[in-house]
Protein backbone atom coordinates (compact mmCIF):
# COMPACT_ATOMS: atom_id res chain seq x y z
CA MET A 1 0.00 0.00 0.00
CA ASP A 2 2.92 2.37 0.71
CA THR A 3 3.80 2.52 -3.01
CA ILE A 4 0.23 3.40 -3.95
CA VAL A 5 0.00 6.04 -1.22
CA ASN A 6 3.24 7.69 -2.36
CA SER A 7 2.03 7.72 -5.98
CA LEU A 8 -1.34 9.23 -5.01
CA TYR A 9 0.39 11.93 -2.97
CA ASP A 10 1.57 13.48 -6.25
CA SER A 11 -1.75 12.93 -8.04
CA VAL A 12 -4.28 15.53 -9.13
CA LEU A 13 -7.09 14.11 -6.99
CA PHE A 14 -5.12 13.87 -3.74
CA LYS A 15 -3.28 17.19 -4.03
CA ASN A 16 -2.75 18.93 -0.64
CA ILE A 17 -3.74 15.82 1.34
CA LYS A 18 -1.25 14.34 3.83
CA LEU A 19 0.21 10.87 3.31
CA ALA A 20 -1.34 9.58 6.52
CA ASP A 21 -4.77 10.82 5.44
CA ILE A 22 -4.41 9.21 2.00
CA GLU A 23 -3.64 5.90 3.70
CA LYS A 24 -6.80 6.21 5.82
CA ILE A 25 -8.87 7.01 2.72
CA LEU A 26 -7.52 3.96 0.88
CA ILE A 27 -8.52 1.65 3.72
CA LEU A 28 -12.14 2.74 3.29
CA LEU A 29 -12.09 3.19 -0.48
CA LYS A 30 -13.15 0.46 -2.89
CA TYR A 31 -10.56 0.44 -5.66
CA SER A 32 -8.48 -1.86 -7.84
CA VAL A 33 -5.02 -1.50 -9.36
CA LYS A 34 -4.33 -2.92 -12.81
CA THR A 35 -1.26 -3.01 -15.02
CA TYR A 36 -1.75 -2.38 -18.74
CA LYS A 37 0.72 -3.14 -21.51
CA LYS A 38 1.67 -0.62 -24.20
CA ASN A 39 -1.27 0.04 -26.58
CA GLU A 40 -3.66 -1.99 -24.41
CA LEU A 41 -7.20 -0.61 -24.22
CA ILE A 42 -8.19 0.71 -20.77
CA PHE A 43 -11.59 2.26 -21.52
CA GLY A 44 -13.35 1.93 -24.87
CA VAL A 45 -16.35 3.49 -26.58
CA GLU A 46 -18.26 0.25 -26.01
CA HIS A 47 -17.57 0.28 -22.25
CA GLU A 48 -20.05 1.72 -19.79
CA ALA A 49 -18.67 4.89 -18.18
CA ASN A 50 -18.53 3.60 -14.61
CA TYR A 51 -14.90 4.07 -13.63
CA VAL A 52 -12.34 6.84 -13.21
CA GLY A 53 -8.63 6.13 -13.49
CA ILE A 54 -5.59 7.60 -11.75
CA ILE A 55 -2.21 7.00 -13.39
CA LEU A 56 0.14 5.60 -10.73
CA ASP A 57 2.89 4.99 -13.27
CA GLY A 58 3.22 5.35 -17.04
CA SER A 59 0.97 7.34 -19.37
CA ILE A 60 -2.21 7.09 -21.42
CA ARG A 61 -3.54 8.58 -24.63
CA VAL A 62 -7.13 9.46 -25.47
CA GLN A 63 -8.05 8.80 -29.11
CA LYS A 64 -11.09 9.52 -31.23
CA ASP A 65 -11.99 7.54 -34.34
CA LEU A 66 -13.39 9.95 -36.94
CA ALA A 67 -16.02 9.08 -39.53
CA SER A 68 -13.38 9.64 -42.22
CA GLY A 69 -11.37 6.72 -40.84
CA ARG A 70 -8.68 8.93 -39.32
CA ILE A 71 -7.65 8.61 -35.69
CA VAL A 72 -7.02 11.77 -33.68
CA THR A 73 -5.10 11.80 -30.40
CA LEU A 74 -7.05 14.23 -28.22
CA LEU A 75 -5.10 14.09 -24.98
CA VAL A 76 -2.03 12.54 -23.43
CA LYS A 77 -1.93 12.12 -19.66
CA THR A 78 0.94 11.10 -17.43
CA LYS A 79 1.69 9.94 -13.89
CA GLY A 80 -0.62 11.50 -11.30
CA ASP A 81 -3.29 12.54 -13.80
CA LEU A 82 -6.97 11.67 -13.52
CA PHE A 83 -8.93 10.42 -16.54
CA GLY A 84 -12.49 9.38 -17.31
CA GLU A 85 -13.93 11.84 -14.79
CA GLY A 86 -15.71 13.86 -17.48
CA SER A 87 -17.45 10.77 -18.83
CA VAL A 88 -18.73 9.28 -15.58
CA PHE A 89 -20.40 12.55 -14.54
CA SER A 90 -21.95 13.28 -17.93
CA ASP A 91 -25.23 12.07 -19.44
CA THR A 92 -23.41 9.67 -21.74
CA LEU A 93 -23.68 5.96 -20.98
CA ASN A 94 -20.35 5.07 -22.58
CA TYR A 95 -16.91 6.60 -22.84
CA PRO A 96 -16.87 8.93 -25.88
CA SER A 97 -13.29 8.03 -26.83
CA ASN A 98 -10.88 5.13 -26.61
CA ILE A 99 -8.25 5.34 -23.88
CA PHE A 100 -5.06 3.34 -24.41
CA SER A 101 -1.99 2.79 -22.30
CA ALA A 102 0.84 4.63 -24.09
CA GLU A 103 3.43 2.43 -22.34
CA THR A 104 3.38 -0.18 -19.59
CA SER A 105 1.21 1.63 -17.03
CA GLU A 106 -0.20 1.04 -13.57
CA ILE A 107 -3.70 2.43 -13.12
CA LEU A 108 -5.83 2.79 -9.99
CA LEU A 109 -9.52 2.40 -10.84
CA ILE A 110 -12.31 3.94 -8.74
CA SER A 111 -16.01 3.38 -9.38
CA LYS A 112 -18.29 6.36 -9.92
CA GLN A 113 -20.20 5.71 -6.69
CA SER A 114 -16.99 5.38 -4.66
CA LEU A 115 -15.77 8.69 -6.05
CA ILE A 116 -19.08 10.36 -5.17
CA ASN A 117 -18.88 9.01 -1.62
CA LEU A 118 -15.26 10.08 -1.34
CA THR A 119 -15.70 13.67 -2.52
CA SER A 120 -18.99 14.29 -0.70
CA SER A 121 -17.23 13.83 2.64
CA ASP A 122 -14.01 15.72 1.88
CA SER A 123 -14.01 19.31 0.58
CA ILE A 124 -10.35 19.14 -0.54
CA LEU A 125 -11.00 16.08 -2.68
CA LEU A 126 -14.13 17.71 -4.11
CA HIS A 127 -12.15 20.85 -4.96
CA ASN A 128 -9.44 18.76 -6.64
CA LEU A 129 -12.02 16.87 -8.70
CA LEU A 130 -13.75 20.07 -9.84
CA ARG A 131 -10.40 21.61 -10.73
CA SER A 132 -9.55 18.55 -12.81
CA LEU A 133 -12.87 18.83 -14.66
CA ALA A 134 -12.35 22.57 -15.23
CA ASN A 135 -8.81 22.04 -16.55
CA ARG A 136 -10.16 19.38 -18.89
CA VAL A 137 -12.63 21.91 -20.34
CA LEU A 138 -9.85 24.48 -20.77
CA LEU A 139 -7.63 21.93 -22.49
CA LEU A 140 -10.38 20.93 -24.90
CA ASN A 141 -10.98 24.62 -25.67
CA LEU A 142 -7.29 24.93 -26.51
CA LYS A 143 -7.60 21.84 -28.70
CA THR A 144 -10.52 23.47 -30.54
CA GLU A 145 -8.41 26.60 -31.10
CA LEU A 146 -5.55 24.45 -32.38
CA LEU A 147 -7.76 22.84 -35.00
CA SER A 148 -8.93 26.27 -36.18
CA TYR A 149 -5.47 27.02 -37.60
CA SER A 150 -5.11 26.16 -41.28
CA SER A 151 -1.31 25.91 -41.58
CA ILE A 152 0.78 23.15 -40.03
CA GLN A 153 3.39 25.64 -38.78
CA LYS A 154 0.71 27.52 -36.85
CA LYS A 155 -0.51 24.26 -35.33
CA ILE A 156 3.06 23.37 -34.32
CA ALA A 157 3.60 26.82 -32.80
CA PHE A 158 0.33 26.74 -30.84
CA SER A 159 0.97 23.21 -29.65
CA LEU A 160 4.50 23.97 -28.39
CA LEU A 161 3.62 27.31 -26.80
CA PHE A 162 0.30 26.49 -25.15
CA LEU A 163 -0.89 22.89 -25.36
CA MET A 164 2.42 21.43 -24.17
CA ASP A 165 3.17 23.90 -21.41
CA LYS A 166 3.08 21.02 -18.90
CA PHE A 167 5.98 19.32 -20.69
CA LYS A 168 8.12 22.46 -21.12
CA ILE A 169 11.16 23.29 -18.96
CA ASN A 170 13.49 26.17 -19.86
CA ASN A 171 12.06 26.34 -23.39
CA ILE A 172 12.69 22.63 -23.93
CA VAL A 173 9.57 20.62 -24.71
CA ASP A 174 9.90 16.91 -24.01
CA LEU A 175 7.27 15.36 -26.26
CA PRO A 176 5.07 12.94 -24.28
CA PHE A 177 4.36 10.92 -27.43
CA SER A 178 5.85 9.93 -30.78
CA LYS A 179 5.82 12.23 -33.79
CA LYS A 180 3.20 9.93 -35.32
CA ASP A 181 0.91 10.55 -32.33
CA TRP A 182 1.74 14.26 -32.43
CA SER A 183 0.79 14.45 -36.11
CA GLU A 184 -2.57 12.83 -35.27
CA HIS A 185 -2.96 15.33 -32.42
CA LEU A 186 -2.40 18.15 -34.94
CA ASN A 187 -4.72 16.48 -37.48
CA THR A 188 -2.00 16.20 -40.12
CA SER A 189 0.34 13.53 -41.51
CA ARG A 190 3.67 12.56 -39.99
CA PRO A 191 5.68 13.44 -43.16
CA SER A 192 4.05 16.90 -43.24
CA LEU A 193 4.84 17.46 -39.56
CA CYS A 194 8.47 16.42 -40.00
CA ARG A 195 8.81 18.61 -43.11
CA GLU A 196 7.55 21.70 -41.26
CA LEU A 197 9.69 20.96 -38.20
CA GLY A 198 12.67 20.82 -40.56
CA ALA A 199 11.71 24.19 -42.05
CA LEU A 200 11.42 25.78 -38.59
CA SER A 201 14.79 24.30 -37.66
CA LYS A 202 16.43 25.79 -40.79
CA GLN A 203 14.98 29.18 -39.81
CA GLY A 204 16.67 28.86 -36.41
CA ILE A 205 13.37 28.92 -34.53
CA LEU A 206 13.55 25.35 -33.22
CA GLN A 207 16.12 22.66 -32.61
CA VAL A 208 14.78 19.11 -32.80
CA GLU A 209 16.56 16.16 -31.21
CA GLY A 210 14.31 13.11 -31.13
CA ARG A 211 11.44 13.89 -28.77
CA LYS A 212 13.16 16.96 -27.33
CA ILE A 213 12.37 20.27 -29.00
CA LEU A 214 14.30 23.38 -27.99
CA ILE A 215 12.47 26.65 -28.68
CA LEU A 216 15.30 28.99 -29.75
CA LYS A 217 13.24 32.02 -30.71
CA GLU A 218 9.94 32.12 -28.86
CA GLN A 219 8.92 35.52 -30.23
CA LEU A 220 9.30 34.29 -33.80
CA LEU A 221 7.19 31.24 -32.91
CA LEU A 222 4.52 33.58 -31.51
CA GLY A 223 4.80 35.66 -34.66
CA ILE A 224 3.85 32.62 -36.76
CA LEU A 225 0.50 32.49 -34.96
CA HIS A 226 -0.28 36.13 -35.78
CA ALA A 227 1.00 36.11 -39.35
């Protein structure tokens, strides 16, 4: 249990709650912990939306199958993040998207009723849940803005400057997914993404090394959005 408690201490839902209190909550809470392999389905569009997940280790990606046959990666979440909370509290009966494990991941699963019982008796947990839901809405609004841009360079700029702020340290963005997944996230093809990244590198705006992208000239990247 100690490993789970330590992982939850850094999670979105248990933010600002002491380790000893988390341990007490777990004793009363009905939950299960499952390990998923890379690309294994956690929640699918055919599954009833009854559970919320907390990532104890690893990462997940949320994908939407479009009518055109294309697959779009909507969100990527990492250790400590909550997922599925928007679905279980909505009017939908099923999860609206497929959620896959992006790597070998350990997930703590809580039923909807257990989460309701948990948050109704603890104001901090309730606040953390509502903040997670609000941040999800903000992120989806940013995603909508991203898709409004017509050029790939503008999508790259917006993604690096705003959507990936969580993964940015000292102007270095450590991509949480492959370039193939990123291209799906931007609603473009991988070759087109790589071509435009190469063009931005030649202009001295970016430096790309695998999944690490160094933003050399942030003002020029901002200028692309307003061109």
